[in-house]
C-alpha cells in the first residue's frame, strides 16, 4: 500500500470512527432527540444503551491494529 493510499485509508477510517463514537455517546447519555425518536418508533429506551455500547466497541475494534492469529 502506498503512502498516499494509507493516508486516504486512515482519514476515511477516522472519519467513520468519529461519527460512530459521537452517535454512541449521544445514545449513552440519552439526549432528548434520541429518546423521542425511540419512543416514536416504539422501541424501549434500554435499546439506546445497547446501541451506544456496541457502537463504541465497534470504534475500538475498527481502530486497533491487526492482531496476529
N, C-alpha and C. Protein backbone atom coordinates (compact mmCIF):
# COMPACT_ATOMS: atom_id res chain seq x y z
N UNK A 1 0.85 -1.17 0.00
CA UNK A 1 0.00 0.00 0.00
C UNK A 1 0.90 1.24 0.00
N UNK A 2 0.63 2.14 -0.90
CA UNK A 2 1.46 3.34 -1.00
C UNK A 2 1.12 4.30 0.15
N UNK A 3 1.99 5.24 0.35
CA UNK A 3 1.79 6.21 1.42
C UNK A 3 0.51 7.01 1.21
N UNK A 4 0.22 7.36 -0.03
CA UNK A 4 -0.99 8.11 -0.35
C UNK A 4 -2.24 7.30 0.01
N UNK A 5 -2.24 6.03 -0.32
CA UNK A 5 -3.38 5.17 -0.01
C UNK A 5 -3.56 4.99 1.49
N UNK A 6 -2.45 4.90 2.23
CA UNK A 6 -2.53 4.78 3.68
C UNK A 6 -3.15 6.02 4.30
N UNK A 7 -2.77 7.17 3.80
CA UNK A 7 -3.33 8.43 4.31
C UNK A 7 -4.82 8.50 4.04
N UNK A 8 -5.23 8.14 2.82
CA UNK A 8 -6.65 8.15 2.47
C UNK A 8 -7.41 7.15 3.34
N UNK A 9 -6.83 5.96 3.54
CA UNK A 9 -7.46 4.93 4.37
C UNK A 9 -7.68 5.43 5.79
N UNK A 10 -6.65 6.02 6.40
CA UNK A 10 -6.77 6.44 7.79
C UNK A 10 -7.69 7.65 7.94
N UNK A 11 -7.72 8.54 6.98
CA UNK A 11 -8.65 9.67 7.05
C UNK A 11 -10.09 9.15 6.99
N UNK A 12 -10.37 8.24 6.07
CA UNK A 12 -11.72 7.68 5.96
C UNK A 12 -12.08 6.88 7.20
N UNK A 13 -11.15 6.10 7.72
CA UNK A 13 -11.41 5.29 8.91
C UNK A 13 -11.65 6.17 10.13
N UNK A 14 -10.85 7.18 10.31
CA UNK A 14 -11.03 8.08 11.46
C UNK A 14 -12.33 8.86 11.35
N UNK A 15 -12.71 9.24 10.14
CA UNK A 15 -13.98 9.96 9.93
C UNK A 15 -15.16 9.07 10.33
N UNK A 16 -15.13 7.83 9.89
CA UNK A 16 -16.16 6.86 10.26
C UNK A 16 -16.18 6.63 11.77
N UNK A 17 -15.00 6.46 12.36
CA UNK A 17 -14.90 6.21 13.79
C UNK A 17 -15.42 7.40 14.60
N UNK A 18 -15.11 8.60 14.16
CA UNK A 18 -15.59 9.79 14.86
C UNK A 18 -17.11 9.87 14.81
N UNK A 19 -17.70 9.57 13.67
CA UNK A 19 -19.16 9.57 13.55
C UNK A 19 -19.80 8.53 14.44
N UNK A 20 -19.24 7.32 14.45
CA UNK A 20 -19.79 6.26 15.29
C UNK A 20 -19.62 6.58 16.77
N UNK A 21 -18.48 7.13 17.14
CA UNK A 21 -18.22 7.47 18.53
C UNK A 21 -19.18 8.55 19.02
N UNK A 22 -19.38 9.57 18.20
CA UNK A 22 -20.26 10.66 18.62
C UNK A 22 -21.71 10.19 18.77
N UNK A 23 -22.19 9.37 17.84
CA UNK A 23 -23.56 8.88 17.98
C UNK A 23 -23.68 7.88 19.12
N UNK A 24 -22.63 7.12 19.37
CA UNK A 24 -22.65 6.20 20.51
C UNK A 24 -22.74 6.94 21.83
N UNK A 25 -22.00 8.03 21.95
CA UNK A 25 -22.05 8.84 23.18
C UNK A 25 -23.41 9.49 23.33
N UNK A 26 -23.97 10.00 22.24
CA UNK A 26 -25.30 10.61 22.29
C UNK A 26 -26.33 9.59 22.76
N UNK A 27 -26.21 8.36 22.29
CA UNK A 27 -27.16 7.34 22.70
C UNK A 27 -26.95 6.92 24.16
N UNK A 28 -25.72 6.92 24.62
CA UNK A 28 -25.47 6.55 26.01
C UNK A 28 -25.97 7.59 26.99
N UNK A 29 -25.86 8.88 26.63
CA UNK A 29 -26.33 9.92 27.56
C UNK A 29 -27.82 10.21 27.37
N UNK A 30 -28.43 9.53 26.41
CA UNK A 30 -29.87 9.60 26.17
C UNK A 30 -30.36 11.05 26.00
N UNK A 31 -29.87 11.68 24.97
CA UNK A 31 -30.32 13.04 24.66
C UNK A 31 -31.80 13.02 24.28
N UNK A 32 -32.45 14.15 24.47
CA UNK A 32 -33.90 14.24 24.27
C UNK A 32 -34.34 13.81 22.87
N UNK A 33 -33.58 14.20 21.85
CA UNK A 33 -33.95 13.84 20.47
C UNK A 33 -33.92 12.33 20.27
N UNK A 34 -32.93 11.68 20.83
CA UNK A 34 -32.82 10.22 20.69
C UNK A 34 -33.95 9.51 21.43
N UNK A 35 -34.27 10.00 22.62
CA UNK A 35 -35.35 9.40 23.40
C UNK A 35 -36.68 9.55 22.67
N UNK A 36 -36.91 10.74 22.12
CA UNK A 36 -38.14 10.97 21.37
C UNK A 36 -38.24 10.07 20.15
N UNK A 37 -37.13 9.92 19.44
CA UNK A 37 -37.11 9.07 18.26
C UNK A 37 -37.42 7.62 18.63
N UNK A 38 -36.81 7.12 19.69
CA UNK A 38 -37.05 5.73 20.10
C UNK A 38 -38.51 5.52 20.53
N UNK A 39 -39.05 6.51 21.25
CA UNK A 39 -40.45 6.40 21.66
C UNK A 39 -41.37 6.40 20.45
N UNK A 40 -41.08 7.26 19.46
CA UNK A 40 -41.90 7.30 18.25
C UNK A 40 -41.83 6.00 17.46
N UNK A 41 -40.67 5.35 17.49
CA UNK A 41 -40.51 4.09 16.78
C UNK A 41 -41.09 2.91 17.57
N UNK A 42 -41.37 3.13 18.84
CA UNK A 42 -41.97 2.09 19.66
C UNK A 42 -40.97 1.16 20.33
N UNK A 43 -39.69 1.54 20.35
CA UNK A 43 -38.68 0.71 20.98
C UNK A 43 -38.52 1.10 22.45
N UNK A 44 -38.13 0.16 23.30
CA UNK A 44 -37.85 0.51 24.69
C UNK A 44 -36.55 1.32 24.79
N UNK A 45 -36.44 2.13 25.82
CA UNK A 45 -35.30 3.04 25.92
C UNK A 45 -33.98 2.34 26.22
N UNK A 46 -34.02 1.11 26.75
CA UNK A 46 -32.76 0.43 27.01
C UNK A 46 -32.03 0.07 25.72
N UNK A 47 -32.71 0.12 24.59
CA UNK A 47 -32.06 -0.12 23.30
C UNK A 47 -30.99 0.94 23.03
N UNK A 48 -31.22 2.16 23.51
CA UNK A 48 -30.23 3.23 23.32
C UNK A 48 -28.91 2.86 24.00
N UNK A 49 -28.98 2.31 25.19
CA UNK A 49 -27.76 1.92 25.90
C UNK A 49 -27.04 0.81 25.15
N UNK A 50 -27.78 -0.17 24.69
CA UNK A 50 -27.18 -1.29 23.96
C UNK A 50 -26.51 -0.78 22.68
N UNK A 51 -27.21 0.05 21.92
CA UNK A 51 -26.65 0.58 20.68
C UNK A 51 -25.40 1.44 20.95
N UNK A 52 -25.46 2.27 21.99
CA UNK A 52 -24.33 3.12 22.32
C UNK A 52 -23.09 2.32 22.67
N UNK A 53 -23.26 1.28 23.49
CA UNK A 53 -22.13 0.44 23.89
C UNK A 53 -21.56 -0.29 22.67
N UNK A 54 -22.42 -0.85 21.84
CA UNK A 54 -21.94 -1.58 20.68
C UNK A 54 -21.24 -0.67 19.67
N UNK A 55 -21.71 0.56 19.54
CA UNK A 55 -21.04 1.49 18.62
C UNK A 55 -19.65 1.83 19.12
N UNK A 56 -19.51 2.07 20.42
CA UNK A 56 -18.20 2.40 20.97
C UNK A 56 -17.26 1.20 20.86
N UNK A 57 -17.77 -0.01 21.12
CA UNK A 57 -16.95 -1.21 20.93
C UNK A 57 -16.56 -1.39 19.46
N UNK A 58 -17.44 -1.02 18.56
CA UNK A 58 -17.13 -1.09 17.13
C UNK A 58 -16.03 -0.13 16.74
N UNK A 59 -16.03 1.05 17.34
CA UNK A 59 -14.96 2.02 17.08
C UNK A 59 -13.62 1.46 17.55
N UNK A 60 -13.62 0.87 18.74
CA UNK A 60 -12.38 0.30 19.27
C UNK A 60 -11.89 -0.83 18.36
N UNK A 61 -12.80 -1.70 17.94
CA UNK A 61 -12.41 -2.80 17.07
C UNK A 61 -11.91 -2.31 15.72
N UNK A 62 -12.46 -1.23 15.23
CA UNK A 62 -12.04 -0.69 13.94
C UNK A 62 -10.65 -0.07 14.02
N UNK A 63 -10.34 0.57 15.13
CA UNK A 63 -9.09 1.32 15.22
C UNK A 63 -7.90 0.52 15.74
N UNK A 64 -8.11 -0.64 16.36
CA UNK A 64 -6.95 -1.40 16.84
C UNK A 64 -6.23 -2.01 15.66
N UNK A 65 -4.92 -2.12 15.78
CA UNK A 65 -4.16 -2.73 14.68
C UNK A 65 -4.47 -4.22 14.56
N UNK A 66 -4.10 -4.80 13.42
CA UNK A 66 -4.34 -6.22 13.22
C UNK A 66 -3.67 -7.03 14.31
N UNK A 67 -4.39 -8.00 14.83
CA UNK A 67 -3.84 -8.89 15.83
C UNK A 67 -3.30 -10.15 15.15
N UNK A 68 -2.14 -10.63 15.58
CA UNK A 68 -1.63 -11.88 14.99
C UNK A 68 -2.49 -13.06 15.45
N UNK A 69 -2.70 -14.00 14.55
CA UNK A 69 -3.51 -15.18 14.89
C UNK A 69 -2.66 -16.30 15.40
